[in-house]
Protein backbone atom coordinates (compact mmCIF):
# COMPACT_ATOMS: atom_id res chain seq x y z
CA UNK A 1 0.00 0.00 0.00
CA UNK A 2 1.27 3.47 -0.94
CA UNK A 3 1.06 6.58 1.20
CA UNK A 4 1.16 9.98 -0.42
CA UNK A 5 1.24 13.40 1.25
CA UNK A 6 -0.64 16.01 -0.78
CA UNK A 7 -0.89 19.74 -0.20
CA UNK A 8 -4.32 20.85 -1.35
CA UNK A 9 -4.26 23.85 -3.69
CA UNK A 10 -8.01 24.35 -4.05
CA UNK A 11 -8.38 27.03 -1.36
CA UNK A 12 -6.11 29.16 0.87
CA UNK A 13 -6.22 26.61 3.75
CA UNK A 14 -3.56 24.47 1.99
CA UNK A 15 -4.58 21.34 3.90
CA UNK A 16 -1.91 18.70 4.34
CA UNK A 17 -3.72 15.55 3.20
CA UNK A 18 -2.51 11.98 3.56
CA UNK A 19 -3.84 9.37 1.15
CA UNK A 20 -3.23 5.64 1.59
CA UNK A 21 -4.07 3.05 -1.05
CA UNK A 22 -3.04 1.42 -4.29
CA UNK A 23 -2.94 2.82 -7.82
CA UNK A 24 -6.64 2.08 -8.32
CA UNK A 25 -8.11 2.02 -4.80
CA UNK A 26 -8.00 4.41 -1.85
CA UNK A 27 -7.99 2.92 1.66
CA UNK A 28 -8.05 6.19 3.62
CA UNK A 29 -7.80 9.96 3.27
CA UNK A 30 -7.07 12.20 6.25
CA UNK A 31 -6.23 15.86 6.82
CA UNK A 32 -8.77 17.57 4.54
CA UNK A 33 -11.11 20.22 5.89
CA UNK A 34 -13.68 20.41 3.09
CA UNK A 35 -15.32 18.39 0.32
CA UNK A 36 -13.20 20.14 -2.31
CA UNK A 37 -10.04 18.98 -0.55
CA UNK A 38 -11.31 15.42 -0.49
CA UNK A 39 -12.10 15.57 -4.23
CA UNK A 40 -8.73 17.15 -5.05
CA UNK A 41 -6.74 14.56 -3.06
CA UNK A 42 -8.71 11.68 -4.59
CA UNK A 43 -8.04 12.89 -8.14
CA UNK A 44 -4.39 13.70 -7.37
CA UNK A 45 -3.80 10.21 -5.96
CA UNK A 46 -5.66 8.16 -8.57
CA UNK A 47 -5.15 10.21 -11.74
CA UNK A 48 -3.06 13.38 -11.40
CA UNK A 49 -3.61 15.85 -14.23
CA UNK A 50 -1.93 19.10 -15.20
CA UNK A 51 -2.49 21.99 -17.55
CA UNK A 52 0.47 22.16 -19.94
CA UNK A 53 1.89 25.36 -21.39
CA UNK A 54 4.73 25.51 -23.89
CA UNK A 55 6.10 27.26 -26.94
CA UNK A 56 6.23 25.91 -30.48
CA UNK A 57 7.99 27.07 -33.62
CA UNK A 58 6.14 29.64 -35.71
CA UNK A 59 6.41 30.19 -39.46
CA UNK A 60 5.91 33.70 -40.85
CA UNK A 61 5.31 35.22 -37.42
CA UNK A 62 6.84 38.28 -35.75
CA UNK A 63 8.86 35.99 -33.44
CA UNK A 64 10.31 32.52 -34.04
CA UNK A 65 8.00 30.91 -31.46
CA UNK A 66 4.43 31.20 -30.25
CA UNK A 67 2.90 30.09 -26.94
CA UNK A 68 0.40 27.27 -26.67
CA UNK A 69 -1.40 25.36 -23.93
CA UNK A 70 -3.70 22.41 -23.48
CA UNK A 71 -7.40 23.25 -23.61
CA UNK A 72 -7.90 21.18 -20.45
CA UNK A 73 -5.63 19.25 -18.08
CA UNK A 74 -3.95 16.08 -19.34
CA UNK A 75 -2.65 13.09 -17.36
CA UNK A 76 0.59 14.09 -15.63
CA UNK A 77 2.39 11.00 -16.89
CA UNK A 78 1.72 11.99 -20.53
CA UNK A 79 3.34 15.44 -20.36
CA UNK A 80 6.71 14.34 -21.73
CA UNK A 81 5.10 12.55 -24.68
CA UNK A 82 3.11 15.67 -25.50
CA UNK A 83 6.25 17.82 -25.22
CA UNK A 84 8.03 15.57 -27.75
CA UNK A 85 5.22 16.23 -30.23
CA UNK A 86 5.27 19.97 -29.53
CA UNK A 87 9.02 20.08 -30.06
CA UNK A 88 8.44 19.04 -33.69
CA UNK A 89 5.36 21.24 -34.25
CA UNK A 90 5.51 24.30 -36.50
CA UNK A 91 2.50 26.63 -36.52
CA UNK A 92 1.60 28.62 -39.61
CA UNK A 93 -0.73 31.64 -39.87
CA UNK A 94 -3.28 32.65 -38.78
CA UNK A 95 -2.11 33.24 -35.22
CA UNK A 96 -5.42 33.78 -33.43
CA UNK A 97 -5.79 33.24 -29.69
CA UNK A 98 -7.70 30.01 -29.04
CA UNK A 99 -6.99 28.53 -32.48
CA UNK A 100 -6.62 24.77 -32.27
CA UNK A 101 -3.13 23.71 -33.36
CA UNK A 102 -3.47 19.98 -32.57
CA UNK A 103 -6.84 18.34 -31.90
CA UNK A 104 -7.20 15.71 -29.18
CA UNK A 105 -3.48 15.28 -28.61
CA UNK A 106 -2.60 11.66 -27.85
CA UNK A 107 -6.31 10.87 -27.39
CA UNK A 108 -6.41 12.87 -24.14
CA UNK A 109 -9.53 14.80 -25.12
CA UNK A 110 -7.47 17.99 -24.87
CA UNK A 111 -6.53 20.23 -27.78
CA UNK A 112 -3.35 22.28 -28.13
CA UNK A 113 -4.41 25.91 -28.59
CA UNK A 114 -2.63 29.21 -29.26
CA UNK A 115 -2.47 31.59 -26.31
CA UNK A 116 -1.25 34.78 -27.97
CA UNK A 117 -1.32 36.57 -31.32
Foldseek 3Di string as FASTA:
>chain_A
DDKDWAQDPPDPVRWTKIWDDDLADTDDIDGDDDPVSVVVVVCCRNFDWDKDKDWAAEDPDPDRIFIKIKPDTFGPVCVVVVVVVRHPDYDYDDQDFFDFRAQCPPVRRITITTHGD
